[in-house]
Every structure is written in structure tokens, then in C-alpha cells.
Amino acid sequence: MVSAIIELRETGQYMLKELLEAAGIAKSVFKYWNDRLSKAQGKDTEIVQQIREIVSQSRGRYGYRRVCLALKQRGWVVNHKKVLRLMRQYQLLCVKFKHRNRQYQSYKGKVGKIAGNKLTRRFNTDRPYQKVLTDVTQFNISATGEKLYLSPFMDVYSGEILSYTIDRSPTLDIALAPLEALVQRRPVLDYRMTVHSDQGWHYQHKRWVTYLEKHKIFQSMSRKGNCLDNAPMENFFGLLKQEMFYGQAFATYTELEAAIHQYIDFYNNDRIKTKLKGMSPVNYRRHTFEDIA
């Protein structure tokens, strides 16, 4: 009612006294609610400014729930419904997740050793470097007709990308190089690592299998044609392409390569996750493992 009176008053057609008499509201009551609304609107303006900064820093990649977590880290405790309302009102909602595309397929039949599925979709662990996922995905650069291939290794513990390689061709080295980098950065552990992949030819290759055996790493594979057996890795590819690739015009291979490097750095160090208590993958590992170890 007070809001309606304020709007009618601003038109200049009615006196405040006339509006209050028609509504049966005392002037003191109107003043109380007018002051309260003004204070709330002022606070909303500050919250919207904070939301704009968060959306800008994340390059429009955060939905309202992740914005809520970012606000909390800044000292603003705001109900998620209010954040959603404000983001809708000021057109700040994330619009990255509307594109779908086929994934690169590296399966070429049985060309080597097929390992069993040791993870069986148990994508949880309380130990870093215990369960690691990998796969290869392809990017098409429409401006030049070039292709780019990305081969990352993800830690199930935190979702952190531990190592990765980018190349113009999906050769065996695109899978082996980041595996070697992962083994070099792996700390001394009192448990064995398991590396899980699909049945792509890279992971059946004798050099791949021999390297795992040499470093006492368990090998695990998804069932044939079942992407859900490697769901977190597929989810990362989806996030990467929706938040960084789709809707952007990359003129060259080098430009796209630089954007992927930047995104993975952002994903590891800055992109907060609700299931990681509002922390990024690297911060979560440091808070829950390295500080205790």
C-alpha cells in the first residue's frame, strides 16, 4: 500500500494528504514504512553492485547459488531467493548453458588391453590423488577449420585439474605427457592411485599400460559407450565449453589455446563450488589436506 501511495504521489496528480485519507493511513505510519522501504532499497542497490562485480569477475559464469556463496565470502548474507530476484530484475542471470555438441570419440575397437571398471561410478574419496579421471575432448575453430584437442587429468577428491596437454592432433603423446606430469607432481602417498578413462585407443596402448604398471598405478576403464562411467570428467568438459567456448569467436588456434589455459587456471583457483563448501578446488585441497598433512 505504501509503495502504491509513493508511486501515485510521484505522478504529481495527488497530494500526499489526499492519498493518506483515501487509504486510511496515518502520516506517522506512512513515514515509518517510507523510511524502511528507502533503507531496504538502498541496501538492495549495494547488493546489486556486489552482484554485478561477481558476475563480471566470473565473466557471467556464475548462477545465483554460486553468486550467493561469493556474496557470503564478501560478508553479505543474502537469501538465495532474493539474489535470484535481483539477478532476474537486472538481467544478470547466467546464460551460458544453452549449447549442446557431440564429444570427441577416441574409441577404435579393441586395439590393446581393456581394463576393468574399478571405480564403478564411485566418484567420491577423502584422499587427493587417489582417484584420477582422464579423457580427450575436441574443439572446432570455425574461422580457420582447425581442430584443438585437450587431454586433462582430474582429481575426484576436489575436481582439480592436476595436469593437462593441448595439441593439434589426438596422438598418444597427448595422453602420456600429462600422465607423466601428474606422476612428477604427485606427493609421496601411503596409498595407490587409480587412473580411470574410457576405452579410447590411447588408454589401451602398450606404452600407456606399461607406464601405469611401472609407477604402480591401478588402471580403470568405463564400460564401452557409457559416458556416465566417467561423468565428472564429462561434466568438466561441458562446463569448459559452455562457460568459455560456446558463443565466443576464436580467430586462431593460439587464441583458443590461451583461453583454455586461462579458464583452467580460473577453474582451479577461483571458481567456487557449492559441494566444496564455497571454495575453489585448489583452496579446498589446501584447507582440507595440505594444512593437516
Protein backbone atom coordinates (compact mmCIF):
# COMPACT_ATOMS: atom_id res chain seq x y z
CA MET A 1 0.00 0.00 0.00
CA VAL A 2 2.79 2.44 0.94
CA SER A 3 4.61 1.68 -2.31
CA ALA A 4 1.44 2.42 -4.27
CA ILE A 5 0.98 5.74 -2.45
CA ILE A 6 4.58 6.70 -3.21
CA GLU A 7 4.11 5.92 -6.90
CA LEU A 8 0.86 7.94 -7.11
CA ARG A 9 2.46 10.84 -5.28
CA GLU A 10 5.38 10.91 -7.72
CA THR A 11 2.97 11.42 -10.62
CA GLY A 12 2.17 14.89 -9.20
CA GLN A 13 -1.57 14.39 -9.64
CA TYR A 14 -2.39 13.90 -5.95
CA MET A 15 -1.45 15.49 -2.66
CA LEU A 16 0.01 13.18 -0.02
CA LYS A 17 -2.71 14.24 2.44
CA GLU A 18 -5.45 13.19 -0.01
CA LEU A 19 -3.82 9.79 -0.65
CA LEU A 20 -3.39 9.06 3.06
CA GLU A 21 -7.01 9.98 3.81
CA ALA A 22 -8.26 7.76 0.96
CA ALA A 23 -6.15 4.83 2.18
CA GLY A 24 -6.95 5.40 5.83
CA ILE A 25 -3.27 5.51 6.81
CA ALA A 26 -1.82 7.84 9.46
CA LYS A 27 1.03 10.11 8.36
CA SER A 28 3.32 8.66 11.06
CA VAL A 29 2.68 5.12 9.80
CA PHE A 30 3.39 6.21 6.23
CA LYS A 31 6.65 7.90 7.31
CA TYR A 32 7.78 4.76 9.17
CA TRP A 33 7.24 2.45 6.19
CA ASN A 34 8.59 5.01 3.70
CA ASP A 35 11.85 5.24 5.67
CA ARG A 36 12.03 1.47 5.95
CA LEU A 37 11.49 0.98 2.21
CA SER A 38 14.08 3.62 1.39
CA LYS A 39 16.64 1.88 3.60
CA ALA A 40 15.85 -1.51 2.00
CA GLN A 41 16.15 -0.04 -1.50
CA GLY A 42 19.49 1.49 -0.58
CA LYS A 43 20.75 -1.85 0.69
CA ASP A 44 19.48 -3.59 -2.45
CA THR A 45 21.44 -1.10 -4.53
CA GLU A 46 24.62 -2.08 -2.67
CA ILE A 47 23.84 -5.80 -3.09
CA VAL A 48 23.20 -5.36 -6.82
CA GLN A 49 26.56 -3.61 -7.15
CA GLN A 50 28.25 -6.56 -5.42
CA ILE A 51 26.41 -8.99 -7.70
CA ARG A 52 27.48 -7.04 -10.78
CA GLU A 53 31.13 -7.25 -9.66
CA ILE A 54 30.87 -11.01 -9.03
CA VAL A 55 29.18 -11.64 -12.38
CA SER A 56 31.80 -9.52 -14.13
CA GLN A 57 34.74 -11.25 -12.44
CA SER A 58 33.33 -14.68 -13.32
CA ARG A 59 32.59 -13.50 -16.88
CA GLY A 60 28.94 -14.39 -16.49
CA ARG A 61 29.69 -18.00 -15.50
CA TYR A 62 28.03 -17.95 -12.05
CA GLY A 63 24.39 -18.85 -11.42
CA TYR A 64 22.50 -17.36 -8.49
CA ARG A 65 23.51 -20.07 -5.99
CA ARG A 66 27.21 -19.59 -6.68
CA VAL A 67 26.68 -15.81 -6.51
CA CYS A 68 25.17 -16.35 -3.03
CA LEU A 69 28.36 -18.11 -1.92
CA ALA A 70 30.53 -15.36 -3.37
CA LEU A 71 28.43 -12.73 -1.55
CA LYS A 72 28.85 -14.65 1.71
CA GLN A 73 32.63 -14.63 1.24
CA ARG A 74 32.40 -10.84 0.92
CA GLY A 75 30.43 -10.58 4.16
CA TRP A 76 26.94 -10.31 2.64
CA VAL A 77 24.45 -12.89 3.90
CA VAL A 78 21.56 -12.76 1.42
CA ASN A 79 18.78 -15.28 0.85
CA HIS A 80 19.19 -17.14 -2.44
CA LYS A 81 15.62 -16.26 -3.48
CA LYS A 82 16.40 -12.56 -3.16
CA VAL A 83 19.60 -12.96 -5.16
CA LEU A 84 17.66 -14.77 -7.89
CA ARG A 85 15.02 -12.00 -7.93
CA LEU A 86 17.63 -9.24 -8.20
CA MET A 87 19.59 -11.07 -10.89
CA ARG A 88 16.39 -11.50 -12.91
CA GLN A 89 15.39 -7.89 -12.37
CA TYR A 90 18.74 -6.52 -13.54
CA GLN A 91 19.31 -9.18 -16.24
CA LEU A 92 22.37 -10.68 -14.56
CA LEU A 93 21.42 -14.34 -14.82
CA CYS A 94 23.89 -16.81 -16.32
CA VAL A 95 23.01 -17.67 -19.93
CA LYS A 96 25.99 -19.89 -20.73
CA PHE A 97 24.26 -23.26 -20.64
CA LYS A 98 22.20 -23.47 -23.83
CA HIS A 99 24.55 -25.15 -26.33
CA ARG A 100 24.99 -28.88 -26.89
CA ASN A 101 27.59 -30.58 -29.04
CA ARG A 102 28.99 -34.03 -29.75
CA GLN A 103 32.11 -35.12 -27.85
CA TYR A 104 35.27 -36.39 -29.48
CA GLN A 105 35.30 -40.20 -29.72
CA SER A 106 38.67 -41.96 -29.41
CA TYR A 107 37.26 -45.49 -29.34
CA LYS A 108 38.58 -47.61 -32.23
CA GLY A 109 37.66 -51.06 -31.04
CA LYS A 110 39.92 -53.38 -29.09
CA VAL A 111 43.49 -52.46 -30.05
CA GLY A 112 45.18 -53.38 -26.78
CA LYS A 113 44.38 -54.14 -23.16
CA ILE A 114 40.87 -53.44 -21.83
CA ALA A 115 40.93 -52.85 -18.07
CA GLY A 116 38.03 -53.44 -15.73
CA ASN A 117 35.91 -50.67 -14.20
CA LYS A 118 37.40 -50.32 -10.72
CA LEU A 119 35.56 -47.11 -9.84
CA THR A 120 32.05 -48.30 -10.81
CA ARG A 121 30.81 -44.69 -10.56
CA ARG A 122 32.08 -44.24 -7.00
CA PHE A 123 33.08 -40.66 -7.61
CA ASN A 124 33.94 -39.82 -4.02
CA THR A 125 37.04 -40.11 -1.86
CA ASP A 126 38.54 -38.41 1.18
CA ARG A 127 42.05 -38.63 -0.25
CA PRO A 128 43.58 -36.49 -3.01
CA TYR A 129 45.41 -38.21 -5.86
CA GLN A 130 43.64 -41.48 -5.07
CA LYS A 131 41.08 -41.44 -7.90
CA VAL A 132 42.01 -39.56 -11.06
CA LEU A 133 39.92 -39.27 -14.22
CA THR A 134 41.05 -38.50 -17.75
CA ASP A 135 39.68 -38.17 -21.29
CA VAL A 136 40.25 -36.24 -24.53
CA THR A 137 37.91 -33.63 -25.98
CA GLN A 138 37.91 -31.78 -29.29
CA PHE A 139 37.31 -28.12 -30.18
CA ASN A 140 36.49 -26.97 -33.71
CA ILE A 141 37.67 -23.48 -34.73
CA SER A 142 35.13 -22.46 -37.35
CA ALA A 143 37.09 -19.42 -38.51
CA THR A 144 40.06 -21.48 -39.73
CA GLY A 145 38.75 -25.05 -39.85
CA GLU A 146 41.43 -26.09 -37.35
CA LYS A 147 40.90 -28.54 -34.51
CA LEU A 148 42.27 -28.39 -30.96
CA TYR A 149 42.46 -31.35 -28.57
CA LEU A 150 42.57 -31.16 -24.77
CA SER A 151 43.65 -34.04 -22.50
CA PRO A 152 43.22 -33.24 -18.77
CA PHE A 153 43.58 -35.28 -15.57
CA MET A 154 41.05 -34.54 -12.83
CA ASP A 155 41.29 -35.38 -9.13
CA VAL A 156 37.98 -36.81 -7.91
CA TYR A 157 38.76 -35.52 -4.41
CA SER A 158 38.36 -31.85 -5.29
CA GLY A 159 37.66 -31.70 -9.02
CA GLU A 160 41.04 -30.02 -9.55
CA ILE A 161 42.68 -30.34 -12.96
CA LEU A 162 46.06 -31.76 -11.93
CA SER A 163 47.70 -31.71 -15.36
CA TYR A 164 46.72 -31.36 -19.00
CA THR A 165 48.03 -31.15 -22.54
CA ILE A 166 46.73 -29.19 -25.55
CA ASP A 167 47.65 -30.22 -29.08
CA ARG A 168 46.57 -30.04 -32.70
CA SER A 169 46.31 -33.84 -33.04
CA PRO A 170 44.99 -36.55 -30.69
CA THR A 171 48.27 -38.50 -30.71
CA LEU A 172 49.44 -40.89 -28.00
CA ASP A 173 51.60 -38.14 -26.50
CA ILE A 174 48.54 -36.03 -25.73
CA ALA A 175 47.57 -38.70 -23.19
CA LEU A 176 51.06 -39.70 -22.00
CA ALA A 177 52.53 -36.22 -21.46
CA PRO A 178 50.02 -35.08 -18.81
CA LEU A 179 50.19 -38.53 -17.17
CA GLU A 180 53.94 -38.12 -16.78
CA ALA A 181 53.44 -34.59 -15.43
CA LEU A 182 50.89 -35.93 -12.94
CA VAL A 183 53.28 -38.59 -11.66
CA GLN A 184 56.02 -35.97 -11.22
CA ARG A 185 53.83 -33.63 -9.16
CA ARG A 186 52.19 -36.41 -7.11
CA PRO A 187 53.29 -36.26 -3.45
CA VAL A 188 54.52 -39.32 -1.57
CA LEU A 189 51.38 -41.27 -0.65
CA ASP A 190 50.67 -44.30 1.52
CA TYR A 191 48.00 -45.48 -0.94
CA ARG A 192 47.96 -46.22 -4.66
CA MET A 193 46.49 -44.02 -7.34
CA THR A 194 43.82 -45.24 -9.76
CA VAL A 195 43.57 -43.60 -13.20
CA HIS A 196 40.17 -44.03 -14.85
CA SER A 197 39.42 -43.43 -18.54
CA ASP A 198 37.16 -44.61 -21.33
CA GLN A 199 38.21 -47.38 -23.74
CA GLY A 200 39.90 -44.97 -26.16
CA TRP A 201 42.87 -46.32 -28.08
CA HIS A 202 45.31 -44.13 -26.12
CA TYR A 203 44.45 -45.94 -22.90
CA GLN A 204 44.70 -49.41 -24.45
CA HIS A 205 48.15 -48.70 -25.88
CA LYS A 206 51.08 -50.76 -24.60
CA ARG A 207 53.10 -47.66 -23.65
CA TRP A 208 50.22 -46.34 -21.55
CA VAL A 209 49.63 -49.65 -19.79
CA THR A 210 53.36 -50.19 -19.19
CA TYR A 211 53.79 -46.70 -17.73
CA LEU A 212 50.96 -47.26 -15.25
CA GLU A 213 52.38 -50.60 -14.20
CA LYS A 214 55.88 -49.13 -13.81
CA HIS A 215 54.59 -46.47 -11.40
CA LYS A 216 52.24 -48.85 -9.56
CA ILE A 217 49.08 -47.09 -10.69
CA PHE A 218 45.83 -49.02 -10.97
CA GLN A 219 44.10 -48.78 -14.35
CA SER A 220 40.32 -48.48 -14.64
CA MET A 221 38.08 -48.10 -17.69
CA SER A 222 34.47 -47.21 -18.35
CA ARG A 223 32.24 -49.74 -20.00
CA LYS A 224 32.01 -49.45 -23.76
CA GLY A 225 29.93 -46.46 -24.88
CA ASN A 226 28.91 -45.49 -21.34
CA CYS A 227 29.86 -41.86 -20.66
CA LEU A 228 28.20 -41.92 -17.22
CA ASP A 229 31.06 -44.14 -16.01
CA ASN A 230 33.28 -41.05 -16.37
CA ALA A 231 30.63 -38.45 -15.52
CA PRO A 232 32.74 -35.86 -13.59
CA MET A 233 35.18 -35.61 -16.48
CA GLU A 234 32.34 -35.19 -18.98
CA ASN A 235 30.81 -32.58 -16.69
CA PHE A 236 34.07 -30.61 -16.68
CA PHE A 237 34.17 -30.64 -20.48
CA GLY A 238 30.60 -29.35 -20.50
CA LEU A 239 31.43 -26.51 -18.10
CA LEU A 240 34.56 -25.59 -20.03
CA LYS A 241 32.75 -25.35 -23.36
CA GLN A 242 29.63 -23.65 -22.05
CA GLU A 243 31.47 -21.07 -19.94
CA MET A 244 34.43 -20.37 -22.21
CA PHE A 245 33.97 -21.67 -25.77
CA TYR A 246 30.36 -21.51 -26.98
CA GLY A 247 29.22 -18.06 -28.02
CA GLN A 248 32.81 -16.82 -28.41
CA ALA A 249 34.50 -16.21 -31.76
CA PHE A 250 38.06 -17.57 -31.72
CA ALA A 251 40.01 -16.50 -34.79
CA THR A 252 43.06 -18.73 -34.35
CA TYR A 253 44.31 -21.87 -32.65
CA THR A 254 46.67 -19.78 -30.49
CA GLU A 255 43.81 -17.60 -29.26
CA LEU A 256 41.73 -20.59 -28.22
CA GLU A 257 44.71 -22.27 -26.58
CA ALA A 258 45.36 -19.17 -24.46
CA ALA A 259 41.68 -19.00 -23.46
CA ILE A 260 41.74 -22.64 -22.29
CA HIS A 261 44.87 -22.00 -20.19
CA GLN A 262 43.15 -19.00 -18.60
CA TYR A 263 39.94 -20.92 -17.95
CA ILE A 264 41.65 -23.90 -16.30
CA ASP A 265 43.57 -21.50 -14.04
CA PHE A 266 40.27 -19.80 -13.16
CA TYR A 267 38.53 -23.15 -12.65
CA ASN A 268 41.24 -24.48 -10.31
CA ASN A 269 41.95 -21.36 -8.28
CA ASP A 270 38.89 -19.10 -8.37
CA ARG A 271 35.73 -20.91 -9.47
CA ILE A 272 33.91 -21.78 -6.25
CA LYS A 273 31.77 -24.91 -5.86
CA THR A 274 28.84 -25.47 -3.53
CA LYS A 275 29.90 -29.05 -2.77
CA LEU A 276 33.37 -27.81 -1.78
CA LYS A 277 31.93 -25.56 0.94
CA GLY A 278 32.15 -22.49 -1.28
CA MET A 279 35.83 -22.99 -2.09
CA SER A 280 37.69 -23.49 -5.34
CA PRO A 281 39.30 -26.93 -5.99
CA VAL A 282 42.82 -25.75 -5.07
CA ASN A 283 41.67 -23.93 -1.93
CA TYR A 284 39.64 -26.96 -0.86
CA ARG A 285 42.65 -29.26 -1.20
CA ARG A 286 44.85 -26.86 0.72
CA HIS A 287 42.35 -26.35 3.54
CA THR A 288 41.35 -29.98 3.97
CA PHE A 289 44.51 -31.86 3.13
CA GLU A 290 47.80 -29.97 2.92
CA ASP A 291 47.23 -27.95 6.10
CA ILE A 292 46.53 -31.17 8.00
CA ALA A 293 49.24 -33.31 6.42
